[in-house]
């Protein structure tokens, strides 16, 4: 019986971890890379899409596996700071507050090995997963575009990672 339970758990975990990428039909790895600052690597990222480079016309999944512990509050604060920085003029404070509230259920306090995944859904918004489990869906196309621009916009703070995610260099 114990073997059956372990086997079922393994099958379930494999299925659950695949949910994020399964949201993108025929997804293939577009690119991957690590975000390292001053020699400290914070996470590894993979971008899954049906075309390389991906575009905002098609769904894609950005999967991030953390190497360091980071609180949910810090993840959200950093995302909002980057959205403000990348958008000139920045979105109004009322919009940023709505986006902060939308991100709260999406993220968890991460520890090394935890994975967060966002799926971009054109014309709809984004769906978020934590460790393979759906956490929330945000029906806001402006938010989804601004959020994924953190990694994909030309003005990203990590241009090398952007190039690797877009399949421009490995």
N, C-alpha and C. Protein backbone atom coordinates (compact mmCIF):
# COMPACT_ATOMS: atom_id res chain seq x y z
N UNK A 1 0.82 -1.19 0.00
CA UNK A 1 0.00 0.00 0.00
C UNK A 1 0.87 1.26 0.00
N UNK A 2 1.92 1.26 0.82
CA UNK A 2 2.81 2.41 0.90
C UNK A 2 3.44 2.70 -0.47
N UNK A 3 3.83 1.67 -1.19
CA UNK A 3 4.42 1.85 -2.51
C UNK A 3 3.41 2.51 -3.46
N UNK A 4 2.15 2.08 -3.38
CA UNK A 4 1.11 2.65 -4.22
C UNK A 4 0.91 4.13 -3.92
N UNK A 5 0.93 4.49 -2.65
CA UNK A 5 0.76 5.88 -2.25
C UNK A 5 1.93 6.72 -2.77
N UNK A 6 3.15 6.21 -2.64
CA UNK A 6 4.32 6.92 -3.12
C UNK A 6 4.25 7.09 -4.63
N UNK A 7 3.83 6.04 -5.33
CA UNK A 7 3.70 6.08 -6.78
C UNK A 7 2.64 7.10 -7.21
N UNK A 8 1.49 7.08 -6.55
CA UNK A 8 0.44 8.04 -6.86
C UNK A 8 0.89 9.47 -6.59
N UNK A 9 1.61 9.67 -5.50
CA UNK A 9 2.12 11.00 -5.18
C UNK A 9 3.10 11.46 -6.25
N UNK A 10 3.95 10.58 -6.73
CA UNK A 10 4.90 10.93 -7.78
C UNK A 10 4.17 11.30 -9.07
N UNK A 11 3.15 10.53 -9.43
CA UNK A 11 2.38 10.82 -10.64
C UNK A 11 1.67 12.16 -10.48
N UNK A 12 1.03 12.39 -9.33
CA UNK A 12 0.33 13.65 -9.09
C UNK A 12 1.29 14.84 -9.15
N UNK A 13 2.46 14.71 -8.50
CA UNK A 13 3.42 15.81 -8.51
C UNK A 13 3.93 16.09 -9.91
N UNK A 14 4.15 15.07 -10.70
CA UNK A 14 4.59 15.27 -12.08
C UNK A 14 3.51 16.02 -12.84
N UNK A 15 2.26 15.62 -12.67
CA UNK A 15 1.15 16.29 -13.36
C UNK A 15 1.01 17.73 -12.87
N UNK A 16 1.09 17.93 -11.56
CA UNK A 16 0.91 19.27 -11.00
C UNK A 16 2.01 20.21 -11.48
N UNK A 17 3.25 19.74 -11.51
CA UNK A 17 4.35 20.58 -11.96
C UNK A 17 4.22 20.92 -13.43
N UNK A 18 3.56 20.05 -14.19
CA UNK A 18 3.43 20.29 -15.63
C UNK A 18 2.29 21.26 -15.93
N UNK A 19 1.41 21.52 -14.99
CA UNK A 19 0.23 22.35 -15.25
C UNK A 19 0.59 23.71 -15.87
N UNK A 20 1.59 24.34 -15.36
CA UNK A 20 1.97 25.67 -15.84
C UNK A 20 2.30 25.64 -17.32
N UNK A 21 3.17 24.77 -17.71
CA UNK A 21 3.57 24.67 -19.13
C UNK A 21 2.44 24.13 -19.99
N UNK A 22 1.61 23.30 -19.42
CA UNK A 22 0.49 22.73 -20.19
C UNK A 22 -0.53 23.78 -20.57
N UNK A 23 -0.46 24.95 -19.98
CA UNK A 23 -1.38 26.03 -20.33
C UNK A 23 -1.04 26.64 -21.69
N UNK A 24 0.14 26.27 -22.21
CA UNK A 24 0.59 26.77 -23.50
C UNK A 24 0.68 25.56 -24.44
N UNK A 25 -0.29 25.42 -25.32
CA UNK A 25 -0.31 24.28 -26.24
C UNK A 25 0.97 24.23 -27.05
N UNK A 26 1.56 23.05 -27.11
CA UNK A 26 2.77 22.80 -27.92
C UNK A 26 3.94 23.67 -27.49
N UNK A 27 4.02 24.00 -26.21
CA UNK A 27 5.10 24.85 -25.72
C UNK A 27 6.44 24.15 -25.83
N UNK A 28 7.43 24.93 -26.21
CA UNK A 28 8.81 24.47 -26.26
C UNK A 28 9.65 25.49 -25.53
N UNK A 29 10.78 25.04 -25.03
CA UNK A 29 11.68 25.94 -24.32
C UNK A 29 12.25 26.97 -25.29
N UNK A 30 11.92 28.24 -25.06
CA UNK A 30 12.45 29.32 -25.89
C UNK A 30 13.85 29.69 -25.43
N UNK A 31 14.03 29.69 -24.11
CA UNK A 31 15.33 30.04 -23.56
C UNK A 31 15.33 29.93 -22.05
N UNK A 32 16.54 29.95 -21.49
CA UNK A 32 16.68 29.86 -20.04
C UNK A 32 17.94 30.57 -19.61
N UNK A 33 17.96 30.95 -18.34
CA UNK A 33 19.13 31.61 -17.80
C UNK A 33 18.95 31.86 -16.31
N UNK A 34 19.98 32.39 -15.70
CA UNK A 34 19.96 32.68 -14.26
C UNK A 34 20.07 34.18 -14.05
N UNK A 35 19.46 34.65 -12.96
CA UNK A 35 19.65 36.03 -12.54
C UNK A 35 20.65 36.03 -11.40
N UNK A 36 21.83 36.57 -11.68
CA UNK A 36 22.89 36.64 -10.69
C UNK A 36 23.33 38.09 -10.54
N UNK A 37 23.45 38.53 -9.30
CA UNK A 37 23.87 39.89 -8.99
C UNK A 37 25.06 39.83 -8.04
N UNK A 38 26.14 40.45 -8.45
CA UNK A 38 27.36 40.49 -7.63
C UNK A 38 27.78 39.09 -7.17
N UNK A 39 27.63 38.12 -8.06
CA UNK A 39 28.05 36.75 -7.76
C UNK A 39 27.03 35.91 -7.00
N UNK A 40 25.90 36.50 -6.61
CA UNK A 40 24.86 35.75 -5.91
C UNK A 40 23.71 35.49 -6.89
N UNK A 41 23.46 34.22 -7.14
CA UNK A 41 22.38 33.87 -8.05
C UNK A 41 21.08 33.77 -7.27
N UNK A 42 20.08 34.53 -7.73
CA UNK A 42 18.79 34.56 -7.05
C UNK A 42 17.84 33.49 -7.57
N UNK A 43 17.85 33.27 -8.90
CA UNK A 43 16.94 32.29 -9.47
C UNK A 43 17.37 31.87 -10.86
N UNK A 44 16.77 30.77 -11.31
CA UNK A 44 16.89 30.28 -12.67
C UNK A 44 15.54 30.48 -13.33
N UNK A 45 15.55 30.94 -14.59
CA UNK A 45 14.30 31.20 -15.30
C UNK A 45 14.27 30.42 -16.61
N UNK A 46 13.07 30.00 -16.98
CA UNK A 46 12.84 29.34 -18.26
C UNK A 46 11.61 29.98 -18.89
N UNK A 47 11.69 30.22 -20.21
CA UNK A 47 10.55 30.77 -20.94
C UNK A 47 10.08 29.72 -21.94
N UNK A 48 8.80 29.36 -21.85
CA UNK A 48 8.19 28.34 -22.69
C UNK A 48 7.17 29.00 -23.60
N UNK A 49 7.26 28.72 -24.90
CA UNK A 49 6.33 29.33 -25.85
C UNK A 49 6.20 28.45 -27.09
N UNK A 50 5.31 28.86 -27.97
CA UNK A 50 5.11 28.12 -29.21
C UNK A 50 5.98 28.67 -30.32
N UNK A 51 6.61 29.81 -30.10
CA UNK A 51 7.48 30.41 -31.11
C UNK A 51 8.66 31.07 -30.42
N UNK A 52 9.78 31.13 -31.14
CA UNK A 52 10.96 31.79 -30.63
C UNK A 52 11.36 32.87 -31.63
N UNK A 53 11.48 34.11 -31.21
CA UNK A 53 11.18 34.58 -29.86
C UNK A 53 9.67 34.66 -29.63
N UNK A 54 9.27 34.53 -28.39
CA UNK A 54 7.84 34.65 -28.08
C UNK A 54 7.37 36.09 -28.29
N UNK A 55 6.06 36.23 -28.43
CA UNK A 55 5.48 37.57 -28.56
C UNK A 55 4.23 37.65 -27.69
N UNK A 56 3.77 38.87 -27.49
CA UNK A 56 2.56 39.07 -26.70
C UNK A 56 1.29 38.71 -27.48
N UNK A 57 1.46 38.20 -28.70
CA UNK A 57 0.32 37.73 -29.49
C UNK A 57 -0.04 36.27 -29.18
N UNK A 58 0.87 35.57 -28.53
CA UNK A 58 0.69 34.14 -28.25
C UNK A 58 0.92 33.89 -26.75
N UNK A 59 0.29 32.85 -26.20
CA UNK A 59 0.55 32.54 -24.79
C UNK A 59 1.99 32.06 -24.59
N UNK A 60 2.51 32.31 -23.41
CA UNK A 60 3.82 31.78 -23.02
C UNK A 60 3.84 31.61 -21.51
N UNK A 61 4.80 30.84 -21.04
CA UNK A 61 4.95 30.59 -19.60
C UNK A 61 6.37 30.96 -19.17
N UNK A 62 6.48 31.73 -18.11
CA UNK A 62 7.76 32.08 -17.51
C UNK A 62 7.84 31.37 -16.16
N UNK A 63 8.80 30.46 -16.06
CA UNK A 63 8.94 29.64 -14.86
C UNK A 63 10.24 30.02 -14.15
N UNK A 64 10.14 30.35 -12.87
CA UNK A 64 11.30 30.79 -12.10
C UNK A 64 11.48 29.86 -10.90
N UNK A 65 12.69 29.30 -10.80
CA UNK A 65 13.04 28.43 -9.68
C UNK A 65 14.06 29.18 -8.82
N UNK A 66 13.71 29.39 -7.58
CA UNK A 66 14.51 30.23 -6.70
C UNK A 66 15.67 29.48 -6.07
N UNK A 67 16.78 30.18 -5.92
CA UNK A 67 17.97 29.66 -5.24
C UNK A 67 18.10 30.25 -3.84
N UNK A 68 17.35 31.29 -3.57
CA UNK A 68 17.43 32.01 -2.29
C UNK A 68 16.02 32.22 -1.73
N UNK A 69 15.94 32.39 -0.43
CA UNK A 69 14.66 32.69 0.21
C UNK A 69 14.33 34.16 -0.01
N UNK A 70 13.09 34.42 -0.42
CA UNK A 70 12.60 35.79 -0.63
C UNK A 70 11.15 35.83 -0.19
N UNK A 71 10.77 36.84 0.56
CA UNK A 71 9.40 36.94 1.03
C UNK A 71 8.46 37.36 -0.10
N UNK A 72 7.21 36.99 0.04
CA UNK A 72 6.17 37.42 -0.91
C UNK A 72 6.15 38.94 -1.00
N UNK A 73 6.23 39.61 0.15
CA UNK A 73 6.20 41.07 0.17
C UNK A 73 7.34 41.66 -0.66
N UNK A 74 8.53 41.08 -0.56
CA UNK A 74 9.69 41.57 -1.32
C UNK A 74 9.50 41.30 -2.82
N UNK A 75 8.95 40.14 -3.18
CA UNK A 75 8.69 39.82 -4.58
C UNK A 75 7.73 40.85 -5.19
N UNK A 76 6.67 41.16 -4.45
CA UNK A 76 5.66 42.12 -4.94
C UNK A 76 6.25 43.52 -5.01
N UNK A 77 6.97 43.92 -3.98
CA UNK A 77 7.59 45.25 -3.95
C UNK A 77 8.54 45.42 -5.13
N UNK A 78 9.36 44.41 -5.39
CA UNK A 78 10.32 44.47 -6.48
C UNK A 78 9.61 44.54 -7.83
N UNK A 79 8.56 43.73 -7.99
CA UNK A 79 7.79 43.75 -9.24
C UNK A 79 7.19 45.14 -9.47
N UNK A 80 6.59 45.72 -8.46
CA UNK A 80 6.00 47.05 -8.61
C UNK A 80 7.05 48.12 -8.91
N UNK A 81 8.21 48.02 -8.25
CA UNK A 81 9.29 48.97 -8.53
C UNK A 81 9.73 48.88 -9.98
N UNK A 82 9.84 47.66 -10.50
CA UNK A 82 10.26 47.48 -11.89
C UNK A 82 9.18 47.95 -12.86
N UNK A 83 7.93 47.70 -12.55
CA UNK A 83 6.84 48.18 -13.41
C UNK A 83 6.87 49.70 -13.46
N UNK A 84 7.07 50.36 -12.31
CA UNK A 84 7.17 51.82 -12.26
C UNK A 84 8.34 52.31 -13.12
N UNK A 85 9.47 51.64 -12.97
CA UNK A 85 10.69 52.05 -13.68
C UNK A 85 10.55 51.89 -15.20
N UNK A 86 9.93 50.80 -15.63
CA UNK A 86 9.84 50.50 -17.06
C UNK A 86 8.77 51.30 -17.80
N UNK A 87 7.79 51.81 -17.08
CA UNK A 87 6.69 52.52 -17.72
C UNK A 87 6.81 54.01 -17.47
N UNK A 88 6.96 54.78 -18.56
CA UNK A 88 7.05 56.24 -18.46
C UNK A 88 5.90 56.83 -19.25
N UNK A 89 4.97 57.51 -18.58
CA UNK A 89 4.89 57.68 -17.13
C UNK A 89 4.44 56.38 -16.46
N UNK A 90 4.75 56.22 -15.18
CA UNK A 90 4.31 55.01 -14.47
C UNK A 90 2.79 54.96 -14.34
N UNK A 91 2.26 53.76 -14.19
CA UNK A 91 0.81 53.66 -13.97
C UNK A 91 0.40 54.44 -12.73
N UNK A 92 -0.84 54.92 -12.68
CA UNK A 92 -1.32 55.65 -11.50
C UNK A 92 -1.23 54.78 -10.24
N UNK A 93 -1.10 55.44 -9.10
CA UNK A 93 -1.02 54.72 -7.82
C UNK A 93 -2.22 53.80 -7.61
N UNK A 94 -3.41 54.22 -8.05
CA UNK A 94 -4.60 53.39 -7.87
C UNK A 94 -4.48 52.08 -8.66
N UNK A 95 -3.90 52.16 -9.86
CA UNK A 95 -3.68 50.97 -10.67
C UNK A 95 -2.64 50.07 -10.01
N UNK A 96 -1.54 50.67 -9.54
CA UNK A 96 -0.49 49.89 -8.88
C UNK A 96 -1.03 49.19 -7.63
N UNK A 97 -1.91 49.85 -6.91
CA UNK A 97 -2.53 49.23 -5.73
C UNK A 97 -3.37 48.02 -6.15
N UNK A 98 -4.13 48.15 -7.22
CA UNK A 98 -4.91 47.01 -7.73
C UNK A 98 -4.00 45.87 -8.14
N UNK A 99 -2.88 46.19 -8.78
CA UNK A 99 -1.95 45.16 -9.22
C UNK A 99 -1.26 44.51 -8.03
N UNK A 100 -0.96 45.29 -7.01
CA UNK A 100 -0.38 44.73 -5.78
C UNK A 100 -1.36 43.72 -5.17
N UNK A 101 -2.62 44.08 -5.11
CA UNK A 101 -3.64 43.18 -4.56
C UNK A 101 -3.79 41.93 -5.43
N UNK A 102 -3.62 42.07 -6.75
CA UNK A 102 -3.71 40.92 -7.65
C UNK A 102 -2.53 39.98 -7.47
N UNK A 103 -1.35 40.52 -7.16
CA UNK A 103 -0.16 39.68 -6.99
C UNK A 103 -0.12 38.97 -5.64
N UNK A 104 -0.80 39.48 -4.65
CA UNK A 104 -0.71 38.90 -3.31
C UNK A 104 -1.07 37.41 -3.29
N UNK A 105 -2.19 36.97 -3.87
CA UNK A 105 -2.45 35.54 -3.85
C UNK A 105 -1.60 34.75 -4.84
N UNK A 106 -0.98 35.44 -5.80
CA UNK A 106 -0.20 34.76 -6.83
C UNK A 106 1.10 34.20 -6.28
N UNK A 107 1.71 34.90 -5.34
CA UNK A 107 3.04 34.56 -4.88
C UNK A 107 3.03 33.98 -3.46
N UNK A 108 4.12 33.34 -3.13
CA UNK A 108 4.34 32.79 -1.79
C UNK A 108 5.71 33.28 -1.31
N UNK A 109 5.99 33.12 -0.03
CA UNK A 109 7.35 33.29 0.46
C UNK A 109 8.13 32.12 -0.13
N UNK A 110 9.16 32.42 -0.93
CA UNK A 110 9.91 31.34 -1.57
C UNK A 110 11.15 30.99 -0.79
N UNK A 111 11.54 29.74 -0.93
CA UNK A 111 12.80 29.24 -0.37
C UNK A 111 13.53 28.52 -1.50
N UNK A 112 14.80 28.22 -1.33
CA UNK A 112 15.52 27.55 -2.41
C UNK A 112 14.78 26.29 -2.89
N UNK A 113 14.64 26.21 -4.21
CA UNK A 113 13.95 25.08 -4.83
C UNK A 113 12.50 25.34 -5.17
N UNK A 114 11.90 26.39 -4.60
CA UNK A 114 10.51 26.73 -4.92
C UNK A 114 10.42 27.31 -6.33
N UNK A 115 9.30 27.04 -6.97
CA UNK A 115 9.08 27.52 -8.33
C UNK A 115 7.80 28.34 -8.41
N UNK A 116 7.91 29.51 -9.03
CA UNK A 116 6.76 30.34 -9.37
C UNK A 116 6.68 30.38 -10.89
N UNK A 117 5.47 30.34 -11.40
CA UNK A 117 5.30 30.35 -12.84
C UNK A 117 4.14 31.26 -13.20
N UNK A 118 4.35 32.08 -14.21
CA UNK A 118 3.30 32.93 -14.74
C UNK A 118 3.04 32.55 -16.18
N UNK A 119 1.77 32.46 -16.53
CA UNK A 119 1.37 32.16 -17.90
C UNK A 119 0.69 33.39 -18.47
N UNK A 120 1.24 33.90 -19.57
CA UNK A 120 0.65 35.05 -20.24
C UNK A 120 -0.46 34.55 -21.16
N UNK A 121 -1.65 35.14 -21.01
CA UNK A 121 -2.82 34.77 -21.79
C UNK A 121 -3.26 35.97 -22.62
N UNK A 122 -2.93 36.00 -23.91
CA UNK A 122 -3.25 37.18 -24.73
C UNK A 122 -4.74 37.52 -24.69
N UNK A 123 -5.01 38.80 -24.55
CA UNK A 123 -6.39 39.27 -24.53
C UNK A 123 -7.13 38.98 -23.24
N UNK A 124 -6.47 38.32 -22.29
CA UNK A 124 -7.11 37.97 -21.01
C UNK A 124 -6.35 38.48 -19.81
N UNK A 125 -5.08 38.13 -19.71
CA UNK A 125 -4.30 38.49 -18.53
C UNK A 125 -3.23 37.45 -18.26
N UNK A 126 -3.21 36.94 -17.02
CA UNK A 126 -2.17 36.00 -16.62
C UNK A 126 -2.72 35.02 -15.59
N UNK A 127 -2.11 33.87 -15.57
CA UNK A 127 -2.43 32.83 -14.59
C UNK A 127 -1.12 32.51 -13.86
N UNK A 128 -1.21 32.33 -12.53
CA UNK A 128 0.00 32.13 -11.72
C UNK A 128 -0.06 30.81 -10.95
N UNK A 129 1.14 30.21 -10.82
CA UNK A 129 1.30 28.94 -10.12
C UNK A 129 2.44 29.06 -9.13
N UNK A 130 2.31 28.40 -7.99
CA UNK A 130 3.39 28.29 -7.00
C UNK A 130 3.61 26.80 -6.74
N UNK A 131 4.82 26.35 -7.00
CA UNK A 131 5.15 24.94 -6.83
C UNK A 131 4.13 24.02 -7.50
N UNK A 132 3.75 24.41 -8.71
CA UNK A 132 2.88 23.57 -9.52
C UNK A 132 1.40 23.69 -9.24
N UNK A 133 1.03 24.49 -8.28
CA UNK A 133 -0.38 24.64 -7.93
C UNK A 133 -0.89 26.01 -8.36
N UNK A 134 -2.04 26.02 -9.02
CA UNK A 134 -2.65 27.28 -9.43
C UNK A 134 -2.92 28.14 -8.19
N UNK A 135 -2.46 29.40 -8.23
CA UNK A 135 -2.71 30.30 -7.11
C UNK A 135 -3.77 31.35 -7.45
N UNK A 136 -3.73 31.86 -8.67
CA UNK A 136 -4.72 32.87 -9.06
C UNK A 136 -4.66 33.14 -10.55
N UNK A 137 -5.71 33.75 -11.05
CA UNK A 137 -5.74 34.25 -12.42
C UNK A 137 -6.11 35.72 -12.34
N UNK A 138 -5.40 36.54 -13.11
CA UNK A 138 -5.62 37.97 -13.11
C UNK A 138 -6.12 38.35 -14.50
N UNK A 139 -7.37 38.79 -14.57
CA UNK A 139 -7.98 39.17 -15.83
C UNK A 139 -7.74 40.66 -16.08
N UNK A 140 -6.52 40.97 -16.48
CA UNK A 140 -6.13 42.36 -16.72
C UNK A 140 -4.95 42.34 -17.69
N UNK A 141 -5.22 42.65 -18.95
CA UNK A 141 -4.17 42.57 -19.96
C UNK A 141 -3.05 43.58 -19.73
N UNK A 142 -3.39 44.77 -19.25
CA UNK A 142 -2.36 45.78 -18.99
C UNK A 142 -1.42 45.30 -17.89
N UNK A 143 -1.97 44.71 -16.83
CA UNK A 143 -1.14 44.16 -15.77
C UNK A 143 -0.23 43.06 -16.31
N UNK A 144 -0.80 42.13 -17.06
CA UNK A 144 -0.02 40.99 -17.57
C UNK A 144 1.15 41.48 -18.42
N UNK A 145 0.90 42.42 -19.29
CA UNK A 145 1.97 42.94 -20.15
C UNK A 145 3.03 43.62 -19.31
N UNK A 146 2.61 44.48 -18.37
CA UNK A 146 3.56 45.19 -17.52
C UNK A 146 4.37 44.22 -16.66
N UNK A 147 3.71 43.17 -16.16
CA UNK A 147 4.40 42.20 -15.31
C UNK A 147 5.48 41.45 -16.10
N UNK A 148 5.13 40.89 -17.25
CA UNK A 148 6.11 40.11 -18.01
C UNK A 148 7.19 40.98 -18.64
N UNK A 149 6.90 42.27 -18.83
CA UNK A 149 7.93 43.19 -19.31
C UNK A 149 9.11 43.29 -18.34
N UNK A 150 8.91 42.96 -17.08
CA UNK A 150 10.01 42.98 -16.11
C UNK A 150 11.18 42.15 -16.65
N UNK A 151 10.89 41.06 -17.34
CA UNK A 151 11.92 40.19 -17.90
C UNK A 151 12.11 40.40 -19.40
N UNK A 152 11.05 40.77 -20.11
CA UNK A 152 11.08 40.72 -21.57
C UNK A 152 11.25 42.06 -22.27
N UNK A 153 11.03 43.17 -21.57
CA UNK A 153 11.15 44.49 -22.20
C UNK A 153 12.63 44.82 -22.46
N UNK A 154 12.91 45.57 -23.52
CA UNK A 154 14.29 45.96 -23.78
C UNK A 154 14.95 46.70 -22.61
N UNK A 155 14.17 47.40 -21.78
CA UNK A 155 14.73 48.14 -20.66
C UNK A 155 14.90 47.34 -19.38
N UNK A 156 14.76 46.02 -19.42
CA UNK A 156 14.90 45.20 -18.22
C UNK A 156 16.25 45.42 -17.54
N UNK A 157 16.29 45.20 -16.26
CA UNK A 157 17.55 45.33 -15.51
C UNK A 157 18.50 44.16 -15.80
N UNK A 158 17.99 43.11 -16.43
CA UNK A 158 18.81 41.92 -16.71
C UNK A 158 18.81 41.63 -18.21
N UNK A 159 19.50 42.47 -19.00
CA UNK A 159 19.47 42.29 -20.45
C UNK A 159 20.06 40.96 -20.92
N UNK A 160 21.06 40.45 -20.23
CA UNK A 160 21.63 39.16 -20.60
C UNK A 160 20.63 38.03 -20.41
N UNK A 161 19.91 38.06 -19.29
CA UNK A 161 18.87 37.06 -19.04
C UNK A 161 17.77 37.19 -20.09
N UNK A 162 17.39 38.41 -20.42
CA UNK A 162 16.36 38.63 -21.44
C UNK A 162 16.76 37.98 -22.76
N UNK A 163 18.00 38.23 -23.19
CA UNK A 163 18.48 37.64 -24.45
C UNK A 163 18.40 36.12 -24.40
N UNK A 164 18.82 35.53 -23.30
CA UNK A 164 18.77 34.06 -23.17
C UNK A 164 17.34 33.55 -23.17
N UNK A 165 16.43 34.24 -22.45
CA UNK A 165 15.03 33.81 -22.42
C UNK A 165 14.40 33.88 -23.81
N UNK A 166 14.77 34.89 -24.57
CA UNK A 166 14.20 35.06 -25.91
C UNK A 166 14.87 34.17 -26.95
N UNK A 167 15.84 33.37 -26.52
CA UNK A 167 16.51 32.44 -27.42
C UNK A 167 17.55 33.10 -28.29
N UNK A 168 18.00 34.29 -27.92
CA UNK A 168 18.98 35.02 -28.72
C UNK A 168 20.40 34.56 -28.45
N UNK A 169 20.66 34.02 -27.26
CA UNK A 169 21.96 33.44 -26.93
C UNK A 169 21.77 32.43 -25.81
N UNK A 170 22.59 31.45 -25.78
CA UNK A 170 22.45 30.39 -24.77
C UNK A 170 23.62 30.39 -23.90
